[in-house]
Amino acid sequence: MNLKKLLSQAYSSAYDLNIRNIETALKLTGPHNSLMDVGCWDGKWTRHWAKITGAKKVFGIEPVKSAAMQSRSRGVTTYIMPADKNKWPIPSNSIDCIVSNQVIEHLTDLDRFFAESVRALAPGGIIVTSTNNLSSLHNIASIIMGWAPFDLANSSYHSSSIGNPFSLHNNDEKCGEPTWTHKCVYTAYWLNRWQMSYGLKPVKTFGAGLYPFPAGLGKIFPRYAAFITTVCQKQK
């Protein structure tokens, strides 16, 4: 079995655990009457998050129109717009829970994202942010070798594999959408400090994946996990 296949299997296991971490975060902090999924794509996972939290009012933000229309067809009130460019069409202090899974690494203005999240959240509201981890073992190893971190090899729309010879993508493979490129990847510490600067209190950080080891070790060592999920609360 070659290295890329091993990495692909490790990625799948880590991603599955990451989804379970988000589910755990929502169960621990719920129930929530209203939920907004930022970067909701086609709304499939949005409905899943809503079911877990018991949310009756379900909103989404999605920049890709074709995906946003599918989300609307699933009963999600979906706004077609980027999450980091303009004011969200959501009343202030109106959302109990915000979820973003594999989204912030695609944004160019994280200040706008957190400013709008805090504005939209009701006092005591929860934000669950899941993303790739810059300080994961495989990214650290890549940097030591002088390569691009695995999670930034798809930084160009023209190629999904720039600067890392072991990227899971091919050099001539384009990103499916310009919005799929990664702009920046964060560590849990870095992300928490950014959240705190907007008045969000860190509650819990989950980890998933620790390549090349079993995915569950990421829960024990989230600082070096492949994926991180931070849970923060807006102060009342």
C-alpha atoms as a PDB file:
ATOM      1  CA  MET A   1       0.000   0.000   0.000  1.00  0.00           C
ATOM      2  CA  ASN A   2       1.496   3.363  -1.003  1.00  0.00           C
ATOM      3  CA  LEU A   3       1.812   6.412   1.220  1.00  0.00           C
ATOM      4  CA  LYS A   4      -0.954   8.392  -0.472  1.00  0.00           C
ATOM      5  CA  LYS A   5      -3.428   5.554   0.053  1.00  0.00           C
ATOM      6  CA  LEU A   6      -2.487   5.332   3.719  1.00  0.00           C
ATOM      7  CA  LEU A   7      -2.929   9.080   4.080  1.00  0.00           C
ATOM      8  CA  SER A   8      -6.303   8.898   2.339  1.00  0.00           C
ATOM      9  CA  GLN A   9      -7.529   6.223   4.756  1.00  0.00           C
ATOM     10  CA  ALA A  10      -6.188   8.184   7.730  1.00  0.00           C
ATOM     11  CA  TYR A  11      -7.963  11.303   6.460  1.00  0.00           C
ATOM     12  CA  SER A  12     -11.294   9.465   6.175  1.00  0.00           C
ATOM     13  CA  SER A  13     -11.047   8.118   9.728  1.00  0.00           C
ATOM     14  CA  ALA A  14     -10.093  11.528  11.087  1.00  0.00           C
ATOM     15  CA  TYR A  15     -12.888  13.297   9.223  1.00  0.00           C
ATOM     16  CA  ASP A  16     -15.493  10.809  10.500  1.00  0.00           C
ATOM     17  CA  LEU A  17     -14.310  11.407  14.062  1.00  0.00           C
ATOM     18  CA  ASN A  18     -14.383  15.150  13.448  1.00  0.00           C
ATOM     19  CA  ILE A  19     -18.071  14.903  12.522  1.00  0.00           C
ATOM     20  CA  ARG A  20     -18.725  12.990  15.739  1.00  0.00           C
ATOM     21  CA  ASN A  21     -16.894  15.704  17.686  1.00  0.00           C
ATOM     22  CA  ILE A  22     -19.201  18.350  16.221  1.00  0.00           C
ATOM     23  CA  GLU A  23     -22.208  16.203  17.117  1.00  0.00           C
ATOM     24  CA  THR A  24     -20.901  15.865  20.684  1.00  0.00           C
ATOM     25  CA  ALA A  25     -20.384  19.623  20.951  1.00  0.00           C
ATOM     26  CA  LEU A  26     -23.947  20.292  19.808  1.00  0.00           C
ATOM     27  CA  LYS A  27     -25.413  17.715  22.196  1.00  0.00           C
ATOM     28  CA  LEU A  28     -23.443  19.071  25.141  1.00  0.00           C
ATOM     29  CA  THR A  29     -24.503  22.669  24.527  1.00  0.00           C
ATOM     30  CA  GLY A  30     -28.054  22.094  23.273  1.00  0.00           C
ATOM     31  CA  PRO A  31     -30.923  22.145  22.861  1.00  0.00           C
ATOM     32  CA  HIS A  32     -30.933  25.259  20.663  1.00  0.00           C
ATOM     33  CA  ASN A  33     -34.076  26.823  19.241  1.00  0.00           C
ATOM     34  CA  SER A  34     -32.284  28.530  16.332  1.00  0.00           C
ATOM     35  CA  LEU A  35     -29.233  27.385  14.397  1.00  0.00           C
ATOM     36  CA  MET A  36     -27.184  28.893  11.584  1.00  0.00           C
ATOM     37  CA  ASP A  37     -24.765  26.885   9.462  1.00  0.00           C
ATOM     38  CA  VAL A  38     -22.105  29.127   7.906  1.00  0.00           C
ATOM     39  CA  GLY A  39     -20.904  27.518   4.697  1.00  0.00           C
ATOM     40  CA  CYS A  40     -23.896  25.191   4.613  1.00  0.00           C
ATOM     41  CA  TRP A  41     -23.356  23.915   1.032  1.00  0.00           C
ATOM     42  CA  ASP A  42     -26.463  21.885   0.054  1.00  0.00           C
ATOM     43  CA  GLY A  43     -28.035  21.904   3.531  1.00  0.00           C
ATOM     44  CA  LYS A  44     -27.689  18.170   4.158  1.00  0.00           C
ATOM     45  CA  TRP A  45     -25.455  18.594   7.180  1.00  0.00           C
ATOM     46  CA  THR A  46     -27.383  21.685   8.258  1.00  0.00           C
ATOM     47  CA  ARG A  47     -30.505  19.579   8.690  1.00  0.00           C
ATOM     48  CA  HIS A  48     -28.419  17.023  10.592  1.00  0.00           C
ATOM     49  CA  TRP A  49     -27.094  19.661  12.998  1.00  0.00           C
ATOM     50  CA  ALA A  50     -30.625  21.040  13.430  1.00  0.00           C
ATOM     51  CA  LYS A  51     -31.985  17.592  14.274  1.00  0.00           C
ATOM     52  CA  ILE A  52     -29.325  17.087  16.944  1.00  0.00           C
ATOM     53  CA  THR A  53     -29.986  20.468  18.574  1.00  0.00           C
ATOM     54  CA  GLY A  54     -33.753  20.421  18.151  1.00  0.00           C
ATOM     55  CA  ALA A  55     -33.603  23.745  16.296  1.00  0.00           C
ATOM     56  CA  LYS A  56     -36.889  24.923  14.792  1.00  0.00           C
ATOM     57  CA  LYS A  57     -35.429  27.969  13.044  1.00  0.00           C
ATOM     58  CA  VAL A  58     -32.653  26.907  10.674  1.00  0.00           C
ATOM     59  CA  PHE A  59     -30.504  29.295   8.631  1.00  0.00           C
ATOM     60  CA  GLY A  60     -27.539  28.946   6.313  1.00  0.00           C
ATOM     61  CA  ILE A  61     -24.974  31.058   4.476  1.00  0.00           C
ATOM     62  CA  GLU A  62     -23.529  29.694   1.237  1.00  0.00           C
ATOM     63  CA  PRO A  63     -21.675  31.555  -1.553  1.00  0.00           C
ATOM     64  CA  VAL A  64     -22.201  28.926  -4.275  1.00  0.00           C
ATOM     65  CA  LYS A  65     -25.648  29.565  -5.731  1.00  0.00           C
ATOM     66  CA  SER A  66     -26.344  26.036  -7.009  1.00  0.00           C
ATOM     67  CA  ALA A  67     -25.573  24.549  -3.594  1.00  0.00           C
ATOM     68  CA  ALA A  68     -27.535  27.262  -1.780  1.00  0.00           C
ATOM     69  CA  MET A  69     -30.609  26.464  -3.884  1.00  0.00           C
ATOM     70  CA  GLN A  70     -30.381  22.825  -2.826  1.00  0.00           C
ATOM     71  CA  SER A  71     -30.129  23.969   0.784  1.00  0.00           C
ATOM     72  CA  ARG A  72     -33.293  26.017   0.355  1.00  0.00           C
ATOM     73  CA  SER A  73     -35.042  22.968  -1.077  1.00  0.00           C
ATOM     74  CA  ARG A  74     -34.275  21.225   2.222  1.00  0.00           C
ATOM     75  CA  GLY A  75     -36.125  23.905   4.150  1.00  0.00           C
ATOM     76  CA  VAL A  76     -33.084  25.886   5.263  1.00  0.00           C
ATOM     77  CA  THR A  77     -33.431  29.673   5.069  1.00  0.00           C
ATOM     78  CA  THR A  78     -30.270  30.148   3.019  1.00  0.00           C
ATOM     79  CA  TYR A  79     -28.557  33.406   2.122  1.00  0.00           C
ATOM     80  CA  ILE A  80     -26.397  33.354  -1.008  1.00  0.00           C
ATOM     81  CA  MET A  81     -23.326  35.322   0.010  1.00  0.00           C
ATOM     82  CA  PRO A  82     -19.741  34.934   1.257  1.00  0.00           C
ATOM     83  CA  ALA A  83     -19.398  34.734   5.023  1.00  0.00           C
ATOM     84  CA  ASP A  84     -16.571  37.252   5.242  1.00  0.00           C
ATOM     85  CA  LYS A  85     -17.484  40.142   2.946  1.00  0.00           C
ATOM     86  CA  ASN A  86     -20.709  41.828   4.046  1.00  0.00           C
ATOM     87  CA  LYS A  87     -23.036  42.151   6.996  1.00  0.00           C
ATOM     88  CA  TRP A  88     -25.129  39.015   7.423  1.00  0.00           C
ATOM     89  CA  PRO A  89     -28.887  39.505   6.856  1.00  0.00           C
ATOM     90  CA  ILE A  90     -29.562  38.182  10.354  1.00  0.00           C
ATOM     91  CA  PRO A  91     -30.979  40.290  13.228  1.00  0.00           C
ATOM     92  CA  SER A  92     -28.591  40.940  16.092  1.00  0.00           C
ATOM     93  CA  ASN A  93     -28.818  38.689  19.171  1.00  0.00           C
ATOM     94  CA  SER A  94     -31.128  36.252  17.368  1.00  0.00           C
ATOM     95  CA  ILE A  95     -29.224  32.963  16.885  1.00  0.00           C
ATOM     96  CA  ASP A  96     -28.681  30.404  19.646  1.00  0.00           C
ATOM     97  CA  CYS A  97     -26.038  28.338  17.868  1.00  0.00           C
ATOM     98  CA  ILE A  98     -23.682  28.889  14.923  1.00  0.00           C
ATOM     99  CA  VAL A  99     -21.873  25.992  13.258  1.00  0.00           C
ATOM    100  CA  SER A 100     -19.095  26.212  10.690  1.00  0.00           C
ATOM    101  CA  ASN A 101     -17.390  23.024   9.538  1.00  0.00           C
ATOM    102  CA  GLN A 102     -14.352  23.260   7.254  1.00  0.00           C
ATOM    103  CA  VAL A 103     -15.149  26.871   6.374  1.00  0.00           C
ATOM    104  CA  ILE A 104     -12.839  29.381   8.059  1.00  0.00           C
ATOM    105  CA  GLU A 105      -9.772  28.080   6.236  1.00  0.00           C
ATOM    106  CA  HIS A 106     -11.467  29.334   3.033  1.00  0.00           C
ATOM    107  CA  LEU A 107     -12.084  32.870   4.309  1.00  0.00           C
ATOM    108  CA  THR A 108      -9.927  35.930   3.756  1.00  0.00           C
ATOM    109  CA  ASP A 109     -11.458  38.153   6.463  1.00  0.00           C
ATOM    110  CA  LEU A 110     -11.816  36.220   9.703  1.00  0.00           C
ATOM    111  CA  ASP A 111     -12.420  39.461  11.584  1.00  0.00           C
ATOM    112  CA  ARG A 112     -15.640  39.936   9.615  1.00  0.00           C
ATOM    113  CA  PHE A 113     -16.642  36.317  10.303  1.00  0.00           C
ATOM    114  CA  PHE A 114     -16.231  36.598  14.069  1.00  0.00           C
ATOM    115  CA  ALA A 115     -17.651  40.116  14.261  1.00  0.00           C
ATOM    116  CA  GLU A 116     -20.811  38.984  12.484  1.00  0.00           C
ATOM    117  CA  SER A 117     -20.975  35.766  14.523  1.00  0.00           C
ATOM    118  CA  VAL A 118     -20.894  37.708  17.780  1.00  0.00           C
ATOM    119  CA  ARG A 119     -23.454  40.210  16.503  1.00  0.00           C
ATOM    120  CA  ALA A 120     -25.846  37.476  15.372  1.00  0.00           C
ATOM    121  CA  LEU A 121     -25.481  35.277  18.461  1.00  0.00           C
ATOM    122  CA  ALA A 122     -27.895  35.723  21.332  1.00  0.00           C
ATOM    123  CA  PRO A 123     -26.315  36.339  24.745  1.00  0.00           C
ATOM    124  CA  GLY A 124     -25.073  32.984  25.975  1.00  0.00           C
ATOM    125  CA  GLY A 125     -25.152  31.624  22.428  1.00  0.00           C
ATOM    126  CA  ILE A 126     -22.717  28.976  21.215  1.00  0.00           C
ATOM    127  CA  ILE A 127     -20.404  28.902  18.197  1.00  0.00           C
ATOM    128  CA  VAL A 128     -18.877  25.603  17.061  1.00  0.00           C
ATOM    129  CA  THR A 129     -15.957  26.101  14.676  1.00  0.00           C
ATOM    130  CA  SER A 130     -14.275  23.106  13.045  1.00  0.00           C
ATOM    131  CA  THR A 131     -11.269  23.355  10.756  1.00  0.00           C
ATOM    132  CA  ASN A 132      -7.926  21.877   9.755  1.00  0.00           C
ATOM    133  CA  ASN A 133      -5.090  22.263  12.234  1.00  0.00           C
ATOM    134  CA  LEU A 134      -1.872  23.973  11.187  1.00  0.00           C
ATOM    135  CA  SER A 135       0.038  22.378  14.097  1.00  0.00           C
ATOM    136  CA  SER A 136      -1.012  18.826  13.184  1.00  0.00           C
ATOM    137  CA  LEU A 137       1.850  16.322  13.023  1.00  0.00           C
ATOM    138  CA  HIS A 138       1.636  15.944   9.252  1.00  0.00           C
ATOM    139  CA  ASN A 139       1.691  19.701   8.683  1.00  0.00           C
ATOM    140  CA  ILE A 140       4.657  20.120  11.041  1.00  0.00           C
ATOM    141  CA  ALA A 141       6.532  17.361   9.187  1.00  0.00           C
ATOM    142  CA  SER A 142       5.822  19.077   5.860  1.00  0.00           C
ATOM    143  CA  ILE A 143       7.142  22.411   7.082  1.00  0.00           C
ATOM    144  CA  ILE A 144      10.301  20.760   8.467  1.00  0.00           C
ATOM    145  CA  MET A 145      10.885  19.291   5.006  1.00  0.00           C
ATOM    146  CA  GLY A 146      10.471  22.750   3.482  1.00  0.00           C
ATOM    147  CA  TRP A 147       7.160  21.856   1.797  1.00  0.00           C
ATOM    148  CA  ALA A 148       3.782  23.542   1.946  1.00  0.00           C
ATOM    149  CA  PRO A 149       1.588  22.234   4.775  1.00  0.00           C
ATOM    150  CA  PHE A 150      -0.757  19.533   3.504  1.00  0.00           C
ATOM    151  CA  ASP A 151      -3.726  21.741   4.338  1.00  0.00           C
ATOM    152  CA  LEU A 152      -2.424  24.648   2.245  1.00  0.00           C
ATOM    153  CA  ALA A 153      -1.392  22.718  -0.866  1.00  0.00           C
ATOM    154  CA  ASN A 154      -4.775  23.633  -2.405  1.00  0.00           C
ATOM    155  CA  SER A 155      -4.196  27.374  -2.018  1.00  0.00           C
ATOM    156  CA  SER A 156      -4.470  27.946  -5.789  1.00  0.00           C
ATOM    157  CA  TYR A 157      -7.574  27.489  -7.904  1.00  0.00           C
ATOM    158  CA  HIS A 158      -5.361  26.290 -10.777  1.00  0.00           C
ATOM    159  CA  SER A 159      -3.919  23.358  -8.838  1.00  0.00           C
ATOM    160  CA  SER A 160      -5.012  21.377  -5.780  1.00  0.00           C
ATOM    161  CA  SER A 161      -1.443  20.325  -5.043  1.00  0.00           C
ATOM    162  CA  ILE A 162       1.118  23.122  -4.912  1.00  0.00           C
ATOM    163  CA  GLY A 163       4.297  22.705  -2.891  1.00  0.00           C
ATOM    164  CA  ASN A 164       3.702  19.291  -1.323  1.00  0.00           C
ATOM    165  CA  PRO A 165       4.766  16.139  -3.230  1.00  0.00           C
ATOM    166  CA  PHE A 166       2.618  13.890  -1.033  1.00  0.00           C
ATOM    167  CA  SER A 167      -0.618  15.847  -1.385  1.00  0.00           C
ATOM    168  CA  LEU A 168      -3.637  13.606  -1.940  1.00  0.00           C
ATOM    169  CA  HIS A 169      -4.573  15.638  -5.021  1.00  0.00           C
ATOM    170  CA  ASN A 170      -2.922  15.658  -8.421  1.00  0.00           C
ATOM    171  CA  ASN A 171      -0.842  18.616  -9.575  1.00  0.00           C
ATOM    172  CA  ASP A 172      -3.105  19.259 -12.563  1.00  0.00           C
ATOM    173  CA  GLU A 173      -6.344  18.904 -10.609  1.00  0.00           C
ATOM    174  CA  LYS A 174      -8.194  22.196 -10.201  1.00  0.00           C
ATOM    175  CA  CYS A 175     -10.352  23.055  -7.219  1.00  0.00           C
ATOM    176  CA  GLY A 176     -13.996  22.451  -8.068  1.00  0.00           C
ATOM    177  CA  GLU A 177     -14.908  25.995  -7.032  1.00  0.00           C
ATOM    178  CA  PRO A 178     -12.713  29.058  -6.446  1.00  0.00           C
ATOM    179  CA  THR A 179     -14.219  29.252  -2.934  1.00  0.00           C
ATOM    180  CA  TRP A 180     -12.751  25.820  -2.131  1.00  0.00           C
ATOM    181  CA  THR A 181      -9.171  27.071  -1.979  1.00  0.00           C
ATOM    182  CA  HIS A 182      -7.594  27.373   1.474  1.00  0.00           C
ATOM    183  CA  LYS A 183      -6.519  30.871   2.451  1.00  0.00           C
ATOM    184  CA  CYS A 184      -5.152  30.248   5.956  1.00  0.00           C
ATOM    185  CA  VAL A 185      -5.013  27.357   8.415  1.00  0.00           C
ATOM    186  CA  TYR A 186      -5.040  27.955  12.168  1.00  0.00           C
ATOM    187  CA  THR A 187      -3.932  26.277  15.373  1.00  0.00           C
ATOM    188  CA  ALA A 188      -6.352  25.828  18.280  1.00  0.00           C
ATOM    189  CA  TYR A 189      -4.429  28.339  20.408  1.00  0.00           C
ATOM    190  CA  TRP A 190      -4.380  30.900  17.600  1.00  0.00           C
ATOM    191  CA  LEU A 191      -8.072  30.406  16.890  1.00  0.00           C
ATOM    192  CA  ASN A 192      -9.054  30.677  20.564  1.00  0.00           C
ATOM    193  CA  ARG A 193      -7.160  33.939  20.951  1.00  0.00           C
ATOM    194  CA  TRP A 194      -8.920  35.336  17.891  1.00  0.00           C
ATOM    195  CA  GLN A 195     -12.293  34.270  19.307  1.00  0.00           C
ATOM    196  CA  MET A 196     -11.520  35.775  22.711  1.00  0.00           C
ATOM    197  CA  SER A 197     -10.669  39.102  21.094  1.00  0.00           C
ATOM    198  CA  TYR A 198     -14.339  39.272  20.037  1.00  0.00           C
ATOM    199  CA  GLY A 199     -15.702  38.437  23.477  1.00  0.00           C
ATOM    200  CA  LEU A 200     -16.190  34.720  22.916  1.00  0.00           C
ATOM    201  CA  LYS A 201     -15.305  32.493  25.860  1.00  0.00           C
ATOM    202  CA  PRO A 202     -13.587  29.173  24.938  1.00  0.00           C
ATOM    203  CA  VAL A 203     -15.469  26.221  26.411  1.00  0.00           C
ATOM    204  CA  LYS A 204     -13.906  23.119  24.853  1.00  0.00           C
ATOM    205  CA  THR A 205     -11.549  22.041  22.080  1.00  0.00           C
ATOM    206  CA  PHE A 206     -11.873  18.657  20.398  1.00  0.00           C
ATOM    207  CA  GLY A 207      -9.292  16.960  18.199  1.00  0.00           C
ATOM    208  CA  ALA A 208      -9.615  14.264  15.545  1.00  0.00           C
ATOM    209  CA  GLY A 209      -6.899  12.339  13.715  1.00  0.00           C
ATOM    210  CA  LEU A 210      -3.193  12.083  14.469  1.00  0.00           C
ATOM    211  CA  TYR A 211      -1.501  10.847  11.315  1.00  0.00           C
ATOM    212  CA  PRO A 212      -0.116   8.199  10.977  1.00  0.00           C
ATOM    213  CA  PHE A 213      -1.584   6.948  14.273  1.00  0.00           C
ATOM    214  CA  PRO A 214      -5.206   5.910  15.027  1.00  0.00           C
ATOM    215  CA  ALA A 215      -7.674   8.804  14.676  1.00  0.00           C
ATOM    216  CA  GLY A 216      -8.770   8.557  18.310  1.00  0.00           C
ATOM    217  CA  LEU A 217      -5.390   9.776  19.545  1.00  0.00           C
ATOM    218  CA  GLY A 218      -6.341  13.173  18.185  1.00  0.00           C
ATOM    219  CA  LYS A 219      -8.917  13.444  20.961  1.00  0.00           C
ATOM    220  CA  ILE A 220      -6.162  12.940  23.533  1.00  0.00           C
ATOM    221  CA  PHE A 221      -3.692  15.313  21.846  1.00  0.00           C
ATOM    222  CA  PRO A 222      -5.861  17.958  20.129  1.00  0.00           C
ATOM    223  CA  ARG A 223      -2.911  20.351  19.799  1.00  0.00           C
ATOM    224  CA  TYR A 224      -1.421  18.022  17.163  1.00  0.00           C
ATOM    225  CA  ALA A 225      -4.650  16.600  15.707  1.00  0.00           C
ATOM    226  CA  ALA A 226      -5.529  16.736  12.015  1.00  0.00           C
ATOM    227  CA  PHE A 227      -8.825  18.513  12.749  1.00  0.00           C
ATOM    228  CA  ILE A 228      -9.814  20.787  15.606  1.00  0.00           C
ATOM    229  CA  THR A 229     -13.279  21.801  16.778  1.00  0.00           C
ATOM    230  CA  THR A 230     -13.541  24.754  19.141  1.00  0.00           C
ATOM    231  CA  VAL A 231     -16.634  25.506  21.196  1.00  0.00           C
ATOM    232  CA  CYS A 232     -17.083  29.084  22.421  1.00  0.00           C
ATOM    233  CA  GLN A 233     -19.866  31.003  24.153  1.00  0.00           C
ATOM    234  CA  LYS A 234     -20.941  34.609  23.803  1.00  0.00           C
ATOM    235  CA  GLN A 235     -20.986  36.293  27.160  1.00  0.00           C
ATOM    236  CA  LYS A 236     -24.404  37.078  28.619  1.00  0.00           C
END
